Amino acid sequence: LVVMGAVWSVPDLRNNVFQWHTDAVAASVPAAPVDDVIVPLDVPHSRTVAFLESMGDGQSVHKLPAVKMSPAQVESLRRYITGKYRVSNEATRMLISTAYGVGQEMGLDPLLLLAIIAIESSFNPFAESQVGAQGLMQVLTKVHQDKFQHFGGEQAAFNPEANIRVGAMILWGCIAP
């Protein structure tokens, strides 16, 4: 834990770890033929940009290159989440698509978002902690009320898309350079 804390607190180390992770993932994933590549985005980019501009401090959002997965990779990820966390196929597809869309738009690794969801709520959109963290990404709604106003108020914490977007925005604020 101490090493992880040091890595996250020193920007040069953090950037080196991200670069190493990106290189390792790129080397381990076989390239898919161009016609088999899909980008599972359901939400228009302009909607997220408008949301970030309304909530942001004027900083521009760091963009990642387009996230592309072959249908086989998406299916493998869906089967893993469905089996391990006992989530329906339809819900899993929606969560993967949302995580990839939000990750792409906000410059975050979509698999990091899915990993946070797995650890924090085990893919239960109605999860609630003893301290008041709610939803998939366990956002403290009392602390981040303003971020949920765009989605209709605090009750939006239980809306999977709103929770992922707000949780990703909080995460991005914590790790942005």
Protein backbone atom coordinates (compact mmCIF):
# COMPACT_ATOMS: atom_id res chain seq x y z
CA LEU A 1 0.00 0.00 0.00
CA VAL A 2 2.86 2.36 0.76
CA VAL A 3 4.39 1.74 -2.66
CA MET A 4 1.04 2.32 -4.37
CA GLY A 5 0.60 5.54 -2.43
CA ALA A 6 4.06 6.71 -3.50
CA VAL A 7 3.36 5.85 -7.13
CA TRP A 8 0.08 7.80 -7.13
CA SER A 9 1.51 10.80 -5.32
CA VAL A 10 4.52 11.33 -7.58
CA PRO A 11 3.34 12.42 -11.06
CA ASP A 12 6.41 11.09 -12.91
CA LEU A 13 6.06 7.65 -11.30
CA ARG A 14 2.32 7.64 -11.99
CA ASN A 15 2.90 8.50 -15.65
CA ASN A 16 5.57 5.78 -15.96
CA VAL A 17 3.20 3.20 -14.45
CA PHE A 18 0.40 4.24 -16.82
CA GLN A 19 2.77 4.05 -19.79
CA TRP A 20 4.03 0.63 -18.69
CA HIS A 21 0.43 -0.58 -18.26
CA THR A 22 -0.57 0.78 -21.69
CA ASP A 23 2.43 -0.87 -23.35
CA ALA A 24 1.80 -4.18 -21.56
CA VAL A 25 -1.89 -4.24 -22.52
CA ALA A 26 -1.10 -3.32 -26.13
CA ALA A 27 1.47 -6.11 -26.33
CA SER A 28 -0.82 -8.74 -24.78
CA VAL A 29 -3.96 -8.06 -26.84
CA PRO A 30 -3.84 -9.50 -30.34
CA ALA A 31 -4.75 -7.02 -33.04
CA ALA A 32 -8.20 -7.61 -34.48
CA PRO A 33 -8.97 -7.28 -38.16
CA VAL A 34 -10.28 -3.81 -38.98
CA ASP A 35 -13.77 -5.02 -39.92
CA ASP A 36 -14.16 -6.88 -36.58
CA VAL A 37 -13.38 -3.84 -34.44
CA ILE A 38 -16.21 -2.18 -32.57
CA VAL A 39 -16.42 0.81 -30.30
CA PRO A 40 -19.33 0.30 -27.91
CA LEU A 41 -20.44 3.90 -27.40
CA ASP A 42 -24.10 4.59 -26.66
CA VAL A 43 -23.89 8.16 -25.40
CA PRO A 44 -23.16 11.10 -27.68
CA HIS A 45 -19.81 12.76 -27.04
CA SER A 46 -21.33 16.26 -27.00
CA ARG A 47 -23.51 15.37 -24.00
CA THR A 48 -20.52 14.39 -21.89
CA VAL A 49 -18.46 17.38 -22.99
CA ALA A 50 -21.34 19.71 -22.05
CA PHE A 51 -21.63 17.97 -18.67
CA LEU A 52 -17.89 18.25 -18.00
CA GLU A 53 -17.85 21.90 -19.00
CA SER A 54 -20.76 22.66 -16.66
CA MET A 55 -19.02 20.89 -13.75
CA GLY A 56 -15.38 21.59 -14.54
CA ASP A 57 -12.91 24.24 -13.57
CA GLY A 58 -12.08 25.22 -17.14
CA GLN A 59 -9.45 22.51 -17.66
CA SER A 60 -9.64 20.61 -20.90
CA VAL A 61 -10.35 16.91 -20.75
CA HIS A 62 -7.41 14.65 -21.62
CA LYS A 63 -8.52 12.32 -24.42
CA LEU A 64 -7.39 8.75 -24.96
CA PRO A 65 -7.14 7.25 -28.42
CA ALA A 66 -10.31 5.47 -29.50
CA VAL A 67 -10.93 2.37 -27.40
CA LYS A 68 -11.46 -0.58 -29.70
CA MET A 69 -12.33 -4.13 -28.85
CA SER A 70 -13.10 -7.04 -31.07
CA PRO A 71 -16.49 -8.70 -30.64
CA ALA A 72 -14.66 -11.69 -29.12
CA GLN A 73 -13.01 -9.48 -26.48
CA VAL A 74 -16.33 -7.81 -25.60
CA GLU A 75 -18.03 -11.20 -25.38
CA SER A 76 -15.26 -12.59 -23.18
CA LEU A 77 -15.49 -9.63 -20.80
CA ARG A 78 -19.30 -9.90 -20.74
CA ARG A 79 -19.18 -13.63 -19.96
CA TYR A 80 -16.65 -13.08 -17.15
CA ILE A 81 -18.69 -10.35 -15.46
CA THR A 82 -21.97 -12.21 -15.95
CA GLY A 83 -20.58 -15.41 -14.44
CA LYS A 84 -18.54 -13.96 -11.60
CA TYR A 85 -21.00 -11.32 -10.39
CA ARG A 86 -24.26 -12.97 -11.49
CA VAL A 87 -25.42 -9.99 -13.54
CA SER A 88 -27.83 -10.38 -16.47
CA ASN A 89 -26.43 -10.36 -20.01
CA GLU A 90 -28.36 -7.21 -20.91
CA ALA A 91 -27.21 -5.28 -17.84
CA THR A 92 -23.62 -6.39 -18.37
CA ARG A 93 -23.66 -5.21 -21.99
CA MET A 94 -25.02 -1.84 -20.89
CA LEU A 95 -22.41 -1.46 -18.13
CA ILE A 96 -19.53 -2.39 -20.45
CA SER A 97 -20.79 0.00 -23.11
CA THR A 98 -21.21 2.82 -20.59
CA ALA A 99 -17.79 2.23 -19.04
CA TYR A 100 -16.13 2.27 -22.45
CA GLY A 101 -18.04 5.35 -23.58
CA VAL A 102 -17.32 7.30 -20.39
CA GLY A 103 -13.72 6.12 -20.28
CA GLN A 104 -13.16 7.26 -23.84
CA GLU A 105 -14.80 10.63 -23.29
CA MET A 106 -13.03 11.38 -20.02
CA GLY A 107 -9.61 9.96 -20.79
CA LEU A 108 -9.84 7.09 -18.29
CA ASP A 109 -9.14 3.41 -18.80
CA PRO A 110 -12.58 1.75 -19.13
CA LEU A 111 -11.27 -1.42 -17.50
CA LEU A 112 -10.28 0.69 -14.48
CA LEU A 113 -13.88 1.90 -14.25
CA LEU A 114 -15.17 -1.67 -14.47
CA ALA A 115 -12.63 -2.79 -11.85
CA ILE A 116 -13.77 -0.04 -9.47
CA ILE A 117 -17.39 -1.10 -9.99
CA ALA A 118 -16.46 -4.73 -9.28
CA ILE A 119 -14.62 -3.90 -6.07
CA GLU A 120 -16.94 -1.21 -4.74
CA SER A 121 -20.37 -2.68 -5.47
CA SER A 122 -19.93 -6.11 -7.12
CA PHE A 123 -21.99 -4.68 -10.00
CA ASN A 124 -24.99 -4.01 -7.73
CA PRO A 125 -26.47 -0.63 -8.78
CA PHE A 126 -28.39 -0.39 -5.48
CA ALA A 127 -25.39 -0.95 -3.21
CA GLU A 128 -25.14 1.43 -0.28
CA SER A 129 -22.38 1.59 2.32
CA GLN A 130 -22.69 2.38 6.00
CA VAL A 131 -21.17 5.82 5.42
CA GLY A 132 -23.62 6.74 2.64
CA ALA A 133 -21.72 5.85 -0.53
CA GLN A 134 -24.23 4.73 -3.14
CA GLY A 135 -24.50 2.98 -6.48
CA LEU A 136 -22.09 1.11 -8.68
CA MET A 137 -19.04 3.30 -8.00
CA GLN A 138 -20.01 4.01 -4.37
CA VAL A 139 -20.15 7.79 -4.71
CA LEU A 140 -20.73 9.79 -1.54
CA THR A 141 -23.87 11.57 -2.69
CA LYS A 142 -23.93 13.97 0.26
CA VAL A 143 -20.46 15.21 -0.69
CA HIS A 144 -21.10 15.30 -4.45
CA GLN A 145 -24.70 16.55 -4.56
CA ASP A 146 -23.81 19.20 -7.14
CA LYS A 147 -22.53 16.61 -9.60
CA PHE A 148 -25.82 14.70 -9.51
CA GLN A 149 -27.96 17.80 -10.16
CA HIS A 150 -27.34 17.43 -13.90
CA PHE A 151 -28.95 13.97 -13.69
CA GLY A 152 -31.94 14.95 -11.54
CA GLY A 153 -30.61 15.03 -7.98
CA GLU A 154 -29.27 12.62 -5.40
CA GLN A 155 -31.60 9.78 -6.42
CA ALA A 156 -29.64 9.55 -9.69
CA ALA A 157 -26.90 7.85 -7.66
CA PHE A 158 -28.82 4.62 -8.26
CA ASN A 159 -28.98 5.23 -12.02
CA PRO A 160 -26.07 3.18 -13.41
CA GLU A 161 -25.14 5.62 -16.18
CA ALA A 162 -25.28 8.68 -13.91
CA ASN A 163 -23.31 6.91 -11.18
CA ILE A 164 -20.58 5.79 -13.58
CA ARG A 165 -20.32 9.28 -15.10
CA VAL A 166 -20.12 11.04 -11.74
CA GLY A 167 -17.74 8.42 -10.31
CA ALA A 168 -15.50 8.73 -13.37
CA MET A 169 -15.53 12.51 -13.08
CA ILE A 170 -14.45 12.28 -9.43
CA LEU A 171 -11.74 9.76 -10.33
CA TRP A 172 -10.54 11.93 -13.22
CA GLY A 173 -10.31 14.90 -10.83
CA CYS A 174 -8.15 12.85 -8.47
CA ILE A 175 -5.66 11.63 -11.07
CA ALA A 176 -5.66 14.47 -13.62
CA PRO A 177 -2.26 16.08 -14.11
